């Protein structure tokens, strides 16, 4: 199937539910070699489903970036930073940014993005988004 779709990686997984709990298993497979790149199991309450989704997305994106060859990395167009750890903090903050607009979520966004900026202080995109976040917080009176 991977060859037909012309993809490098395949994500397999399952979701099981029991009462108010869920178990999600996921594994990332290198389609060319058939080897496992990453595998994880998540046991959570059903009310955490979006947090689990964000966590899996963040881990997968980070794992895939780390596993790319130099050639593959050169073809990527980073919109925020080329520092993988900074990018991880950026995405983590983005998950809070996409949640309900609250003072607490706004603080978490800024905390994550400031950590990213500490790791890559020359990133224009990170500087701009931290500046935007300060503006947004000021508009809300936070």
N, C-alpha and C. Protein backbone atom coordinates (compact mmCIF):
# COMPACT_ATOMS: atom_id res chain seq x y z
N UNK A 1 0.81 -1.20 0.00
CA UNK A 1 0.00 0.00 0.00
C UNK A 1 0.86 1.27 0.00
N UNK A 2 1.96 1.26 0.78
CA UNK A 2 2.84 2.42 0.84
C UNK A 2 3.43 2.73 -0.52
N UNK A 3 3.79 1.67 -1.26
CA UNK A 3 4.37 1.87 -2.59
C UNK A 3 3.35 2.49 -3.53
N UNK A 4 2.09 2.03 -3.46
CA UNK A 4 1.03 2.58 -4.31
C UNK A 4 0.80 4.05 -4.01
N UNK A 5 0.88 4.41 -2.73
CA UNK A 5 0.66 5.80 -2.33
C UNK A 5 1.92 6.65 -2.45
N UNK A 6 3.05 5.99 -2.70
CA UNK A 6 4.34 6.66 -2.81
C UNK A 6 4.66 7.45 -1.53
N UNK A 7 4.56 6.74 -0.39
CA UNK A 7 4.86 7.38 0.90
C UNK A 7 6.05 6.69 1.55
N UNK A 8 6.76 7.44 2.33
CA UNK A 8 7.95 6.92 3.02
C UNK A 8 7.57 6.25 4.34
N UNK A 9 6.60 6.83 5.05
CA UNK A 9 6.22 6.33 6.36
C UNK A 9 4.74 5.94 6.38
N UNK A 10 4.43 4.95 7.21
CA UNK A 10 3.05 4.51 7.39
C UNK A 10 2.76 4.54 8.90
N UNK A 11 1.62 5.09 9.26
CA UNK A 11 1.19 5.11 10.65
C UNK A 11 0.10 4.08 10.83
N UNK A 12 0.33 3.15 11.74
CA UNK A 12 -0.68 2.14 12.07
C UNK A 12 -1.11 2.36 13.50
N UNK A 13 -2.34 1.99 13.80
CA UNK A 13 -2.76 2.13 15.18
C UNK A 13 -4.15 1.59 15.41
N UNK A 14 -4.55 1.68 16.65
CA UNK A 14 -5.89 1.25 17.03
C UNK A 14 -6.38 2.08 18.20
N UNK A 15 -7.69 2.10 18.35
CA UNK A 15 -8.32 2.80 19.46
C UNK A 15 -9.32 1.84 20.09
N UNK A 16 -9.21 1.70 21.39
CA UNK A 16 -10.17 0.88 22.12
C UNK A 16 -10.75 1.71 23.26
N UNK A 17 -12.01 1.49 23.53
CA UNK A 17 -12.70 2.27 24.56
C UNK A 17 -13.35 1.31 25.55
N UNK A 18 -13.23 1.66 26.83
CA UNK A 18 -13.88 0.90 27.89
C UNK A 18 -14.36 1.90 28.92
N UNK A 19 -15.69 1.99 29.06
CA UNK A 19 -16.30 2.97 29.96
C UNK A 19 -15.79 4.36 29.58
N UNK A 20 -15.15 5.06 30.49
CA UNK A 20 -14.69 6.42 30.19
C UNK A 20 -13.20 6.47 29.88
N UNK A 21 -12.60 5.32 29.57
CA UNK A 21 -11.18 5.25 29.27
C UNK A 21 -10.95 4.86 27.81
N UNK A 22 -9.86 5.34 27.27
CA UNK A 22 -9.46 4.95 25.91
C UNK A 22 -8.02 4.47 25.94
N UNK A 23 -7.71 3.58 25.03
CA UNK A 23 -6.33 3.14 24.81
C UNK A 23 -6.06 3.31 23.32
N UNK A 24 -5.05 4.10 23.05
CA UNK A 24 -4.64 4.33 21.67
C UNK A 24 -3.25 3.76 21.50
N UNK A 25 -3.06 2.92 20.50
CA UNK A 25 -1.74 2.43 20.17
C UNK A 25 -1.40 2.97 18.79
N UNK A 26 -0.18 3.36 18.63
CA UNK A 26 0.26 3.90 17.35
C UNK A 26 1.70 3.47 17.09
N UNK A 27 1.99 3.19 15.84
CA UNK A 27 3.36 2.88 15.46
C UNK A 27 3.65 3.47 14.08
N UNK A 28 4.82 4.03 13.98
CA UNK A 28 5.28 4.63 12.73
C UNK A 28 6.27 3.67 12.11
N UNK A 29 6.03 3.30 10.85
CA UNK A 29 6.85 2.31 10.16
C UNK A 29 7.50 2.95 8.94
N UNK A 30 8.78 2.70 8.77
CA UNK A 30 9.49 3.12 7.57
C UNK A 30 9.08 2.17 6.46
N UNK A 31 8.35 2.65 5.49
CA UNK A 31 7.78 1.79 4.45
C UNK A 31 8.87 1.15 3.57
N UNK A 32 10.00 1.81 3.43
CA UNK A 32 11.06 1.27 2.58
C UNK A 32 11.73 0.05 3.21
N UNK A 33 12.00 0.14 4.52
CA UNK A 33 12.72 -0.95 5.18
C UNK A 33 11.79 -1.87 5.97
N UNK A 34 10.59 -1.39 6.27
CA UNK A 34 9.66 -2.17 7.09
C UNK A 34 9.97 -2.09 8.58
N UNK A 35 10.96 -1.31 8.95
CA UNK A 35 11.35 -1.23 10.36
C UNK A 35 10.48 -0.22 11.11
N UNK A 36 10.35 -0.47 12.40
CA UNK A 36 9.59 0.43 13.26
C UNK A 36 10.45 1.63 13.63
N UNK A 37 9.90 2.83 13.42
CA UNK A 37 10.59 4.05 13.77
C UNK A 37 10.22 4.45 15.19
N UNK A 38 8.95 4.23 15.51
CA UNK A 38 8.42 4.70 16.79
C UNK A 38 7.14 3.93 17.09
N UNK A 39 6.91 3.66 18.36
CA UNK A 39 5.66 3.03 18.79
C UNK A 39 5.34 3.51 20.19
N UNK A 40 4.06 3.67 20.46
CA UNK A 40 3.65 4.16 21.78
C UNK A 40 2.23 3.73 22.07
N UNK A 41 1.92 3.64 23.37
CA UNK A 41 0.56 3.34 23.81
C UNK A 41 0.13 4.46 24.73
N UNK A 42 -1.10 4.92 24.56
CA UNK A 42 -1.65 6.01 25.36
C UNK A 42 -2.91 5.50 26.07
N UNK A 43 -2.91 5.55 27.38
CA UNK A 43 -4.09 5.22 28.18
C UNK A 43 -4.56 6.51 28.85
N UNK A 44 -5.76 6.92 28.51
CA UNK A 44 -6.28 8.18 29.04
C UNK A 44 -7.78 8.07 29.29
N UNK A 45 -8.30 9.10 29.96
CA UNK A 45 -9.75 9.20 30.08
C UNK A 45 -10.27 9.83 28.80
N UNK A 46 -11.50 9.56 28.47
CA UNK A 46 -12.08 10.02 27.21
C UNK A 46 -12.08 11.55 27.11
N UNK A 47 -12.13 12.25 28.24
CA UNK A 47 -12.14 13.72 28.18
C UNK A 47 -10.78 14.28 27.77
N UNK A 48 -9.74 13.43 27.71
CA UNK A 48 -8.40 13.86 27.28
C UNK A 48 -8.16 13.61 25.79
N UNK A 49 -9.16 13.23 25.03
CA UNK A 49 -8.96 12.77 23.66
C UNK A 49 -8.22 13.79 22.78
N UNK A 50 -8.54 15.08 22.92
CA UNK A 50 -7.86 16.07 22.09
C UNK A 50 -6.43 16.31 22.55
N UNK A 51 -6.19 16.21 23.84
CA UNK A 51 -4.82 16.32 24.36
C UNK A 51 -3.98 15.16 23.84
N UNK A 52 -4.56 13.96 23.83
CA UNK A 52 -3.84 12.79 23.31
C UNK A 52 -3.56 12.97 21.83
N UNK A 53 -4.53 13.47 21.09
CA UNK A 53 -4.35 13.71 19.65
C UNK A 53 -3.19 14.68 19.43
N UNK A 54 -3.17 15.77 20.19
CA UNK A 54 -2.08 16.74 20.05
C UNK A 54 -0.74 16.14 20.43
N UNK A 55 -0.73 15.33 21.48
CA UNK A 55 0.51 14.69 21.93
C UNK A 55 1.05 13.75 20.86
N UNK A 56 0.19 12.94 20.28
CA UNK A 56 0.62 12.01 19.23
C UNK A 56 1.13 12.78 18.02
N UNK A 57 0.43 13.80 17.62
CA UNK A 57 0.84 14.62 16.48
C UNK A 57 2.21 15.23 16.72
N UNK A 58 2.41 15.77 17.91
CA UNK A 58 3.69 16.39 18.25
C UNK A 58 4.83 15.38 18.22
N UNK A 59 4.62 14.23 18.83
CA UNK A 59 5.66 13.19 18.87
C UNK A 59 5.98 12.70 17.45
N UNK A 60 4.95 12.45 16.65
CA UNK A 60 5.17 11.96 15.29
C UNK A 60 5.92 12.97 14.44
N UNK A 61 5.49 14.20 14.51
CA UNK A 61 6.15 15.24 13.71
C UNK A 61 7.62 15.37 14.11
N UNK A 62 7.88 15.32 15.39
CA UNK A 62 9.26 15.42 15.87
C UNK A 62 10.06 14.19 15.43
N UNK A 63 9.51 13.01 15.62
CA UNK A 63 10.20 11.78 15.22
C UNK A 63 10.51 11.79 13.72
N UNK A 64 9.55 12.20 12.93
CA UNK A 64 9.77 12.18 11.48
C UNK A 64 10.85 13.18 11.09
N UNK A 65 10.88 14.34 11.71
CA UNK A 65 11.92 15.32 11.39
C UNK A 65 13.29 14.81 11.78
N UNK A 66 13.39 14.20 12.94
CA UNK A 66 14.67 13.71 13.41
C UNK A 66 15.18 12.60 12.51
N UNK A 67 14.30 11.80 11.94
CA UNK A 67 14.70 10.65 11.12
C UNK A 67 15.00 11.02 9.67
N UNK A 68 14.72 12.23 9.25
CA UNK A 68 14.94 12.60 7.87
C UNK A 68 16.43 12.68 7.56
N UNK A 69 16.79 12.31 6.37
CA UNK A 69 18.18 12.46 5.93
C UNK A 69 18.46 13.94 5.70
N UNK A 70 19.73 14.28 5.58
CA UNK A 70 20.09 15.67 5.31
C UNK A 70 19.43 16.17 4.02
N UNK A 71 19.41 15.31 3.02
CA UNK A 71 18.81 15.64 1.74
C UNK A 71 17.32 15.97 1.91
N UNK A 72 16.62 15.13 2.67
CA UNK A 72 15.19 15.35 2.90
C UNK A 72 14.96 16.61 3.71
N UNK A 73 15.81 16.85 4.71
CA UNK A 73 15.67 18.05 5.52
C UNK A 73 15.88 19.31 4.68
N UNK A 74 16.80 19.24 3.72
CA UNK A 74 17.07 20.40 2.86
C UNK A 74 15.86 20.76 2.00
N UNK A 75 15.04 19.77 1.69
CA UNK A 75 13.85 20.03 0.87
C UNK A 75 12.70 20.64 1.66
N UNK A 76 12.78 20.54 2.99
CA UNK A 76 11.71 21.10 3.82
C UNK A 76 11.81 22.62 3.87
N UNK A 77 10.69 23.26 3.94
CA UNK A 77 10.66 24.70 4.12
C UNK A 77 10.13 24.98 5.53
N UNK A 78 11.02 25.24 6.47
CA UNK A 78 10.59 25.53 7.83
C UNK A 78 9.96 26.90 7.88
N UNK A 79 8.83 26.99 8.50
CA UNK A 79 8.15 28.28 8.59
C UNK A 79 8.43 28.98 9.90
N UNK A 80 8.98 28.25 10.88
CA UNK A 80 9.23 28.88 12.17
C UNK A 80 10.70 28.80 12.56
N UNK A 81 11.29 27.63 12.48
CA UNK A 81 12.66 27.43 12.93
C UNK A 81 13.23 26.15 12.34
N UNK A 82 14.53 26.08 12.22
CA UNK A 82 15.17 24.86 11.78
C UNK A 82 15.69 24.05 12.96
N UNK A 83 15.53 24.58 14.17
CA UNK A 83 15.93 23.90 15.40
C UNK A 83 14.79 22.97 15.82
N UNK A 84 15.03 21.66 15.83
CA UNK A 84 13.97 20.69 16.10
C UNK A 84 13.39 20.87 17.49
N UNK A 85 14.22 21.12 18.49
CA UNK A 85 13.71 21.30 19.85
C UNK A 85 12.86 22.57 19.94
N UNK A 86 13.30 23.64 19.31
CA UNK A 86 12.52 24.88 19.30
C UNK A 86 11.19 24.65 18.58
N UNK A 87 11.26 23.92 17.47
CA UNK A 87 10.04 23.62 16.71
C UNK A 87 9.06 22.81 17.55
N UNK A 88 9.58 21.89 18.36
CA UNK A 88 8.74 21.09 19.25
C UNK A 88 7.98 21.99 20.23
N UNK A 89 8.68 22.95 20.81
CA UNK A 89 8.02 23.90 21.72
C UNK A 89 7.01 24.76 20.98
N UNK A 90 7.34 25.12 19.75
CA UNK A 90 6.43 25.90 18.92
C UNK A 90 5.12 25.15 18.71
N UNK A 91 5.20 23.88 18.32
CA UNK A 91 4.02 23.07 18.07
C UNK A 91 3.23 22.85 19.35
N UNK A 92 3.93 22.64 20.46
CA UNK A 92 3.24 22.47 21.74
C UNK A 92 2.42 23.73 22.06
N UNK A 93 3.03 24.89 21.88
CA UNK A 93 2.31 26.14 22.10
C UNK A 93 1.15 26.30 21.15
N UNK A 94 1.33 25.85 19.92
CA UNK A 94 0.27 25.92 18.93
C UNK A 94 -0.95 25.10 19.35
N UNK A 95 -0.72 23.98 20.02
CA UNK A 95 -1.85 23.17 20.48
C UNK A 95 -2.65 23.92 21.53
N UNK A 96 -1.99 24.70 22.40
CA UNK A 96 -2.72 25.53 23.37
C UNK A 96 -3.40 26.70 22.67
N UNK A 97 -2.74 27.25 21.65
CA UNK A 97 -3.29 28.38 20.90
C UNK A 97 -4.62 28.01 20.23
N UNK A 98 -4.73 26.76 19.82
CA UNK A 98 -5.94 26.30 19.11
C UNK A 98 -7.08 25.94 20.06
N UNK A 99 -6.81 25.92 21.36
CA UNK A 99 -7.85 25.62 22.33
C UNK A 99 -8.64 26.89 22.65
N UNK A 100 -9.57 26.77 23.58
CA UNK A 100 -10.40 27.92 23.96
C UNK A 100 -9.53 29.10 24.38
N UNK A 101 -9.98 30.29 24.04
CA UNK A 101 -9.25 31.50 24.39
C UNK A 101 -9.50 31.80 25.87
N UNK A 102 -8.51 31.45 26.68
CA UNK A 102 -8.56 31.74 28.11
C UNK A 102 -7.22 32.32 28.53
N UNK A 103 -7.21 32.97 29.66
CA UNK A 103 -5.96 33.54 30.17
C UNK A 103 -4.93 32.45 30.42
N UNK A 104 -5.39 31.30 30.95
CA UNK A 104 -4.48 30.18 31.21
C UNK A 104 -3.87 29.62 29.95
N UNK A 105 -4.69 29.41 28.92
CA UNK A 105 -4.17 28.90 27.65
C UNK A 105 -3.22 29.90 27.01
N UNK A 106 -3.56 31.18 27.12
CA UNK A 106 -2.69 32.22 26.55
C UNK A 106 -1.33 32.20 27.23
N UNK A 107 -1.31 31.99 28.54
CA UNK A 107 -0.04 31.94 29.28
C UNK A 107 0.77 30.72 28.85
N UNK A 108 0.10 29.60 28.62
CA UNK A 108 0.80 28.38 28.18
C UNK A 108 1.41 28.57 26.80
N UNK A 109 0.66 29.21 25.91
CA UNK A 109 1.17 29.49 24.56
C UNK A 109 2.46 30.30 24.66
N UNK A 110 2.39 31.38 25.41
CA UNK A 110 3.54 32.27 25.53
C UNK A 110 4.73 31.56 26.18
N UNK A 111 4.46 30.72 27.16
CA UNK A 111 5.52 29.96 27.82
C UNK A 111 6.24 29.06 26.81
N UNK A 112 5.47 28.33 26.02
CA UNK A 112 6.05 27.42 25.02
C UNK A 112 6.82 28.19 23.96
N UNK A 113 6.20 29.26 23.46
CA UNK A 113 6.85 30.01 22.38
C UNK A 113 8.09 30.74 22.87
N UNK A 114 8.09 31.19 24.13
CA UNK A 114 9.30 31.81 24.68
C UNK A 114 10.43 30.79 24.80
N UNK A 115 10.09 29.55 25.18
CA UNK A 115 11.10 28.48 25.23
C UNK A 115 11.68 28.25 23.84
N UNK A 116 10.80 28.23 22.84
CA UNK A 116 11.26 28.05 21.46
C UNK A 116 12.19 29.19 21.06
N UNK A 117 11.81 30.40 21.43
CA UNK A 117 12.61 31.57 21.07
C UNK A 117 13.97 31.57 21.77
N UNK A 118 14.02 31.05 22.99
CA UNK A 118 15.30 30.93 23.69
C UNK A 118 16.25 30.01 22.92
N UNK A 119 15.69 28.98 22.30
CA UNK A 119 16.50 28.02 21.55
C UNK A 119 16.89 28.52 20.16
N UNK A 120 16.08 29.42 19.62
CA UNK A 120 16.37 29.98 18.30
C UNK A 120 16.01 31.46 18.28
N UNK A 121 16.81 32.30 18.96
CA UNK A 121 16.47 33.72 19.09
C UNK A 121 16.49 34.50 17.78
N UNK A 122 17.09 33.94 16.74
CA UNK A 122 17.16 34.64 15.45
C UNK A 122 16.02 34.30 14.50
N UNK A 123 15.09 33.46 14.94
CA UNK A 123 13.96 33.09 14.08
C UNK A 123 12.98 34.26 13.98
N UNK A 124 12.86 34.80 12.78
CA UNK A 124 11.94 35.92 12.57
C UNK A 124 10.50 35.51 12.85
N UNK A 125 10.14 34.30 12.42
CA UNK A 125 8.76 33.84 12.61
C UNK A 125 8.44 33.69 14.10
N UNK A 126 9.34 33.12 14.87
CA UNK A 126 9.11 32.97 16.31
C UNK A 126 9.02 34.32 17.00
N UNK A 127 9.91 35.23 16.64
CA UNK A 127 9.87 36.58 17.20
C UNK A 127 8.55 37.27 16.87
N UNK A 128 8.11 37.12 15.64
CA UNK A 128 6.85 37.75 15.22
C UNK A 128 5.66 37.17 15.98
N UNK A 129 5.63 35.85 16.14
CA UNK A 129 4.48 35.23 16.82
C UNK A 129 4.47 35.54 18.31
N UNK A 130 5.63 35.62 18.95
CA UNK A 130 5.68 36.02 20.36
C UNK A 130 5.20 37.46 20.48
N UNK A 131 5.62 38.30 19.55
CA UNK A 131 5.14 39.69 19.55
C UNK A 131 3.63 39.77 19.35
N UNK A 132 3.12 38.98 18.42
CA UNK A 132 1.67 38.93 18.19
C UNK A 132 0.95 38.47 19.45
N UNK A 133 1.53 37.48 20.14
CA UNK A 133 0.89 36.95 21.35
C UNK A 133 0.82 38.03 22.43
N UNK A 134 1.87 38.83 22.56
CA UNK A 134 1.84 39.95 23.53
C UNK A 134 0.75 40.95 23.15
N UNK A 135 0.65 41.25 21.87
CA UNK A 135 -0.40 42.15 21.38
C UNK A 135 -1.78 41.58 21.71
N UNK A 136 -1.97 40.29 21.40
CA UNK A 136 -3.25 39.63 21.65
C UNK A 136 -3.60 39.64 23.14
N UNK A 137 -2.62 39.35 23.99
CA UNK A 137 -2.85 39.37 25.43
C UNK A 137 -3.24 40.77 25.90
N UNK A 138 -2.59 41.76 25.34
CA UNK A 138 -2.93 43.15 25.71
C UNK A 138 -4.34 43.50 25.30
N UNK A 139 -4.76 43.04 24.13
CA UNK A 139 -6.14 43.29 23.66
C UNK A 139 -7.17 42.68 24.60
N UNK A 140 -6.84 41.52 25.19
CA UNK A 140 -7.75 40.87 26.14
C UNK A 140 -7.58 41.42 27.56
N UNK A 141 -6.61 42.30 27.73
CA UNK A 141 -6.39 42.88 29.06
C UNK A 141 -5.64 41.94 30.00
N UNK A 142 -4.87 41.00 29.43
CA UNK A 142 -4.11 40.06 30.25
C UNK A 142 -2.69 40.52 30.42
